Amino acid sequence: MVSILPDLLFDISGRGPPPNTNFYHFSVTKSQVIWRWWKISPRAVDRHSKPGEERDSHPDFLDDTWMQSEVSMVFGPNILQFTKALCQGRYDYLERLSDSLLLRIISYLELEDVGQLGRTSHRFRKLCVSEEFWEQAVRRRLNIVSAEVTSLALEVGWRSVFFTNKLQLQKLLSRRRQRQEDHVSDSEAEDSSIRSSEKSHPADSEEESLSDPIHHPDPHAGAAVDSSSCCDADPDPEGGSASTEVLTEDTQNSTQSSEDSDLGL
């Protein structure tokens, strides 16, 4: 079982707790434990200090109290206990497997066991309710999954497809197929209506152009109307008043002459 594990079993890095400003790196491989540190300080005496490194085998680390105290001070006692378990050969194989491999293993379990496994950790719960797990379960149950079932699963979810019996699943597929056909029919009818409307528009435009008698107005017509209107208008209102006064005076003289002739004067 150890052979399936990678060479690097654990790796962590970070700065020390205040007031410590140094940077630390801690890693555990299959054969040794490596502790590195970089001194970070504004003091001139520490400016040229070099990084430090300590390496121990697994048995030596279990007896190295100084390195254990350093690990516990910087990264905490839980990291120290986990490192001791690795050095003693106690590996958590399931936690180190990839998600794809775990999903393949989980797919062989019964549903009751899958529910129990999902309660053991956050990672297993996430895997047990994932769409990838339920897709694998559906494919193992149906053997052959059609493109229609796949498309339906993308809408309602693989879990819903898994818990739907075959008769109900056929009804859902039939309804979905009918909706798609209705949608296609509506689209074709709409396209046909648009094409008919586009064909009728040129005829309407031609009829409007024929029925309109003033399609191209004559630019000289407006000028003729404007000149006639200018002739009718009186450009000098004072001159017009004087002409009216002279006309009134001549009329009065003519009337007076007529009256004198009638009286025999």
Protein backbone atom coordinates (compact mmCIF):
# COMPACT_ATOMS: atom_id res chain seq x y z
CA MET A 1 0.00 0.00 0.00
CA VAL A 2 2.89 2.37 0.69
CA SER A 3 3.96 2.12 -2.95
CA ILE A 4 0.81 3.96 -4.14
CA LEU A 5 1.70 7.00 -2.05
CA PRO A 6 3.79 9.84 -3.53
CA ASP A 7 7.29 10.47 -2.23
CA LEU A 8 6.22 13.73 -0.58
CA LEU A 9 3.79 12.85 2.21
CA PHE A 10 3.35 16.25 3.82
CA ASP A 11 4.46 19.82 3.16
CA ILE A 12 3.78 23.11 4.95
CA SER A 13 5.43 26.53 5.22
CA GLY A 14 4.82 29.88 6.90
CA ARG A 15 6.10 32.57 9.25
CA GLY A 16 6.64 32.01 12.92
CA PRO A 17 4.26 33.35 15.61
CA PRO A 18 4.86 36.96 16.84
CA PRO A 19 7.29 38.35 17.74
CA ASN A 20 9.11 35.77 15.63
CA THR A 21 9.38 36.99 12.00
CA ASN A 22 11.42 34.11 10.57
CA PHE A 23 10.13 31.97 7.70
CA TYR A 24 9.93 28.15 8.05
CA HIS A 25 9.38 25.20 5.74
CA PHE A 26 8.56 21.69 6.98
CA SER A 27 8.19 18.58 4.80
CA VAL A 28 7.90 14.84 5.33
CA THR A 29 8.89 12.29 2.68
CA LYS A 30 8.80 8.51 2.70
CA SER A 31 12.30 8.34 4.17
CA GLN A 32 13.08 11.57 6.05
CA VAL A 33 11.84 14.74 7.76
CA ILE A 34 13.20 18.11 6.54
CA TRP A 35 13.13 21.33 8.57
CA ARG A 36 14.28 24.63 6.95
CA TRP A 37 14.30 28.22 8.19
CA TRP A 38 15.21 31.72 6.97
CA LYS A 39 16.07 34.41 9.50
CA ILE A 40 14.27 37.69 8.82
CA SER A 41 15.45 40.63 10.96
CA PRO A 42 16.25 44.36 10.47
CA ARG A 43 19.33 44.00 12.64
CA ALA A 44 22.64 44.47 10.85
CA VAL A 45 24.18 41.38 12.47
CA ASP A 46 21.45 39.16 10.93
CA ARG A 47 21.56 40.73 7.47
CA HIS A 48 24.01 38.19 6.04
CA SER A 49 22.78 35.13 7.94
CA LYS A 50 22.27 32.04 5.76
CA PRO A 51 19.22 29.73 5.68
CA GLY A 52 19.36 26.72 7.96
CA GLU A 53 18.32 23.12 7.33
CA GLU A 54 18.00 19.94 9.42
CA ARG A 55 17.25 16.47 8.10
CA ASP A 56 16.23 13.43 10.16
CA SER A 57 15.10 9.95 9.32
CA HIS A 58 11.71 8.90 10.62
CA PRO A 59 13.11 7.09 13.72
CA ASP A 60 15.51 9.96 14.44
CA PHE A 61 12.70 12.52 14.27
CA LEU A 62 10.71 10.59 16.87
CA ASP A 63 13.69 11.03 19.23
CA ASP A 64 14.59 14.61 18.20
CA THR A 65 12.94 16.74 20.89
CA TRP A 66 14.40 20.01 19.52
CA MET A 67 12.88 19.61 16.05
CA GLN A 68 9.58 18.49 17.57
CA SER A 69 9.45 21.59 19.76
CA GLU A 70 10.21 23.81 16.75
CA VAL A 71 7.43 22.21 14.69
CA SER A 72 4.95 22.52 17.54
CA MET A 73 5.87 26.18 18.20
CA VAL A 74 5.56 27.29 14.57
CA PHE A 75 2.77 25.09 13.16
CA GLY A 76 0.98 23.85 16.27
CA PRO A 77 0.65 20.56 18.19
CA ASN A 78 -1.81 19.01 15.68
CA ILE A 79 0.79 19.18 12.90
CA LEU A 80 3.32 17.58 15.23
CA GLN A 81 0.98 14.68 16.07
CA PHE A 82 0.18 14.16 12.37
CA THR A 83 3.90 14.10 11.54
CA LYS A 84 4.58 11.53 14.26
CA ALA A 85 1.84 9.30 12.84
CA LEU A 86 3.43 9.49 9.38
CA CYS A 87 6.84 8.61 10.80
CA GLN A 88 5.29 5.62 12.58
CA GLY A 89 3.77 4.34 9.31
CA ARG A 90 0.15 5.25 10.08
CA TYR A 91 -1.06 6.66 6.75
CA ASP A 92 -4.57 7.83 5.89
CA TYR A 93 -4.72 6.28 2.45
CA LEU A 94 -8.27 7.31 1.57
CA GLU A 95 -7.59 10.99 2.22
CA ARG A 96 -4.58 10.85 -0.10
CA LEU A 97 -6.36 9.29 -3.07
CA SER A 98 -7.61 11.48 -5.91
CA ASP A 99 -11.29 12.41 -6.20
CA SER A 100 -11.74 10.46 -9.44
CA LEU A 101 -10.40 7.27 -7.85
CA LEU A 102 -12.51 7.74 -4.72
CA LEU A 103 -15.64 8.28 -6.83
CA ARG A 104 -14.97 5.03 -8.66
CA ILE A 105 -14.66 3.19 -5.33
CA ILE A 106 -17.79 4.83 -3.88
CA SER A 107 -19.86 3.89 -6.93
CA TYR A 108 -19.55 0.19 -5.95
CA LEU A 109 -21.12 0.79 -2.52
CA GLU A 110 -24.78 0.37 -1.64
CA LEU A 111 -26.78 3.56 -1.18
CA GLU A 112 -27.04 2.99 2.59
CA ASP A 113 -23.26 2.71 2.81
CA VAL A 114 -22.83 5.82 0.68
CA GLY A 115 -25.02 7.76 3.12
CA GLN A 116 -22.95 6.54 6.07
CA LEU A 117 -19.69 7.38 4.31
CA GLY A 118 -20.90 10.93 3.61
CA ARG A 119 -21.15 11.53 7.37
CA THR A 120 -17.49 10.73 8.07
CA SER A 121 -15.87 13.91 6.67
CA HIS A 122 -16.56 17.03 4.65
CA ARG A 123 -14.64 15.66 1.68
CA PHE A 124 -16.63 12.42 1.50
CA ARG A 125 -19.89 14.29 1.94
CA LYS A 126 -19.01 16.53 -1.00
CA LEU A 127 -18.14 13.49 -3.12
CA CYS A 128 -21.25 11.52 -2.16
CA VAL A 129 -23.63 14.31 -3.22
CA SER A 130 -21.70 15.38 -6.32
CA GLU A 131 -23.13 15.14 -9.83
CA GLU A 132 -20.13 13.03 -10.88
CA PHE A 133 -21.05 10.30 -8.37
CA TRP A 134 -24.72 10.18 -9.40
CA GLU A 135 -23.76 10.14 -13.08
CA GLN A 136 -21.62 7.07 -12.49
CA ALA A 137 -24.48 5.47 -10.53
CA VAL A 138 -26.95 6.09 -13.38
CA ARG A 139 -24.58 4.72 -16.01
CA ARG A 140 -23.98 1.56 -13.94
CA ARG A 141 -27.74 1.16 -13.48
CA LEU A 142 -28.85 1.74 -17.08
CA ASN A 143 -25.75 0.31 -18.80
CA ILE A 144 -26.48 2.43 -21.89
CA VAL A 145 -27.38 6.10 -21.44
CA SER A 146 -28.83 7.80 -24.50
CA ALA A 147 -28.19 11.38 -25.52
CA GLU A 148 -31.77 12.29 -24.52
CA VAL A 149 -31.24 10.99 -20.99
CA THR A 150 -27.96 12.90 -20.74
CA SER A 151 -29.65 16.10 -21.89
CA LEU A 152 -32.48 15.56 -19.39
CA ALA A 153 -29.97 14.95 -16.59
CA LEU A 154 -28.30 18.28 -17.33
CA GLU A 155 -31.67 19.95 -16.68
CA VAL A 156 -32.98 18.05 -13.64
CA GLY A 157 -29.76 16.53 -12.26
CA TRP A 158 -28.34 13.01 -12.31
CA ARG A 159 -29.65 12.26 -8.82
CA SER A 160 -33.25 12.90 -9.94
CA VAL A 161 -32.74 10.63 -12.94
CA PHE A 162 -31.37 7.89 -10.69
CA PHE A 163 -34.42 7.91 -8.41
CA THR A 164 -36.91 8.03 -11.31
CA ASN A 165 -38.31 4.69 -12.47
CA LYS A 166 -38.05 3.73 -16.11
CA LEU A 167 -41.74 4.30 -16.89
CA GLN A 168 -41.71 7.78 -15.43
CA LEU A 169 -38.43 8.47 -17.18
CA GLN A 170 -39.98 7.56 -20.53
CA LYS A 171 -42.88 9.94 -19.82
CA LEU A 172 -40.47 12.76 -19.01
CA LEU A 173 -38.54 12.14 -22.21
CA SER A 174 -41.79 12.07 -24.24
CA ARG A 175 -42.95 15.40 -22.76
CA ARG A 176 -39.57 16.97 -23.35
CA ARG A 177 -39.58 15.75 -26.96
CA GLN A 178 -43.07 17.21 -27.48
CA ARG A 179 -41.99 20.59 -26.06
CA GLN A 180 -39.04 20.67 -28.43
CA GLU A 181 -41.29 19.89 -31.41
CA ASP A 182 -43.76 22.63 -30.41
CA HIS A 183 -40.91 25.08 -30.05
CA VAL A 184 -39.62 24.20 -33.52
CA SER A 185 -43.12 24.60 -35.00
CA ASP A 186 -43.55 28.01 -33.37
CA SER A 187 -40.17 29.13 -34.68
CA GLU A 188 -41.00 28.02 -38.21
CA ALA A 189 -44.37 29.80 -38.09
CA GLU A 190 -42.73 32.98 -36.86
CA ASP A 191 -40.10 32.82 -39.61
CA SER A 192 -42.80 32.29 -42.23
CA SER A 193 -44.75 35.29 -40.93
CA ILE A 194 -41.65 37.47 -41.07
CA ARG A 195 -40.90 36.42 -44.65
CA SER A 196 -44.50 37.13 -45.73
CA SER A 197 -44.36 40.55 -44.13
CA GLU A 198 -41.07 41.34 -45.89
CA LYS A 199 -42.57 40.35 -49.27
CA SER A 200 -45.64 42.59 -48.80
CA HIS A 201 -43.70 45.73 -47.82
CA PRO A 202 -42.28 46.59 -51.31
CA ALA A 203 -45.81 46.53 -52.90
CA ASP A 204 -47.13 48.84 -50.18
CA SER A 205 -44.33 51.30 -50.81
CA GLU A 206 -45.05 51.29 -54.58
CA GLU A 207 -48.77 51.93 -54.02
CA GLU A 208 -48.02 54.86 -51.70
CA SER A 209 -45.67 56.43 -54.28
CA LEU A 210 -48.33 56.11 -57.05
CA SER A 211 -51.18 57.51 -54.94
CA ASP A 212 -49.17 60.57 -53.85
CA PRO A 213 -49.59 63.31 -56.59
CA ILE A 214 -46.83 65.49 -55.19
CA HIS A 215 -44.06 62.97 -55.04
CA HIS A 216 -41.37 65.37 -56.34
CA PRO A 217 -42.26 68.98 -55.46
CA ASP A 218 -41.24 71.79 -57.86
CA PRO A 219 -38.74 74.13 -56.21
CA HIS A 220 -39.94 77.06 -58.37
CA ALA A 221 -43.54 76.81 -57.17
CA GLY A 222 -42.69 78.09 -53.71
CA ALA A 223 -40.82 81.06 -55.18
CA ALA A 224 -43.86 82.08 -57.35
CA VAL A 225 -46.17 81.98 -54.38
CA ASP A 226 -43.79 84.04 -52.30
CA SER A 227 -43.44 86.77 -55.01
CA SER A 228 -47.21 87.16 -55.40
CA SER A 229 -47.69 87.44 -51.69
CA CYS A 230 -45.02 90.11 -51.56
CA CYS A 231 -46.85 92.15 -54.24
CA ASP A 232 -50.11 92.13 -52.28
CA ALA A 233 -48.48 93.30 -49.12
CA ASP A 234 -47.96 97.06 -48.42
CA PRO A 235 -44.25 97.64 -47.77
CA ASP A 236 -44.80 101.28 -46.52
CA PRO A 237 -47.62 101.61 -44.01
CA GLU A 238 -47.19 105.42 -43.77
CA GLY A 239 -47.41 105.87 -47.57
CA GLY A 240 -50.56 103.78 -47.55
CA SER A 241 -52.15 106.07 -44.92
CA ALA A 242 -51.33 109.21 -46.97
CA SER A 243 -52.92 107.74 -50.11
CA THR A 244 -56.04 106.94 -48.11
CA GLU A 245 -56.27 110.52 -46.81
CA VAL A 246 -55.95 111.99 -50.36
CA LEU A 247 -58.61 109.62 -51.68
CA THR A 248 -60.99 110.64 -48.90
CA GLU A 249 -60.49 114.38 -49.58
CA ASP A 250 -61.20 113.95 -53.36
CA THR A 251 -64.34 112.02 -52.55
CA GLN A 252 -65.60 114.77 -50.27
CA ASN A 253 -64.98 117.45 -52.98
CA SER A 254 -66.83 115.39 -55.56
CA THR A 255 -69.77 114.95 -53.25
CA GLN A 256 -69.88 118.69 -52.48
CA SER A 257 -69.91 119.54 -56.26
CA SER A 258 -72.80 117.21 -56.84
CA GLU A 259 -74.82 118.80 -54.06
CA ASP A 260 -74.14 122.32 -55.42
CA SER A 261 -75.29 121.33 -58.92
CA ASP A 262 -78.49 119.90 -57.54
CA LEU A 263 -79.25 123.18 -55.73
CA GLY A 264 -78.58 125.17 -58.92
CA LEU A 265 -75.52 126.91 -57.55
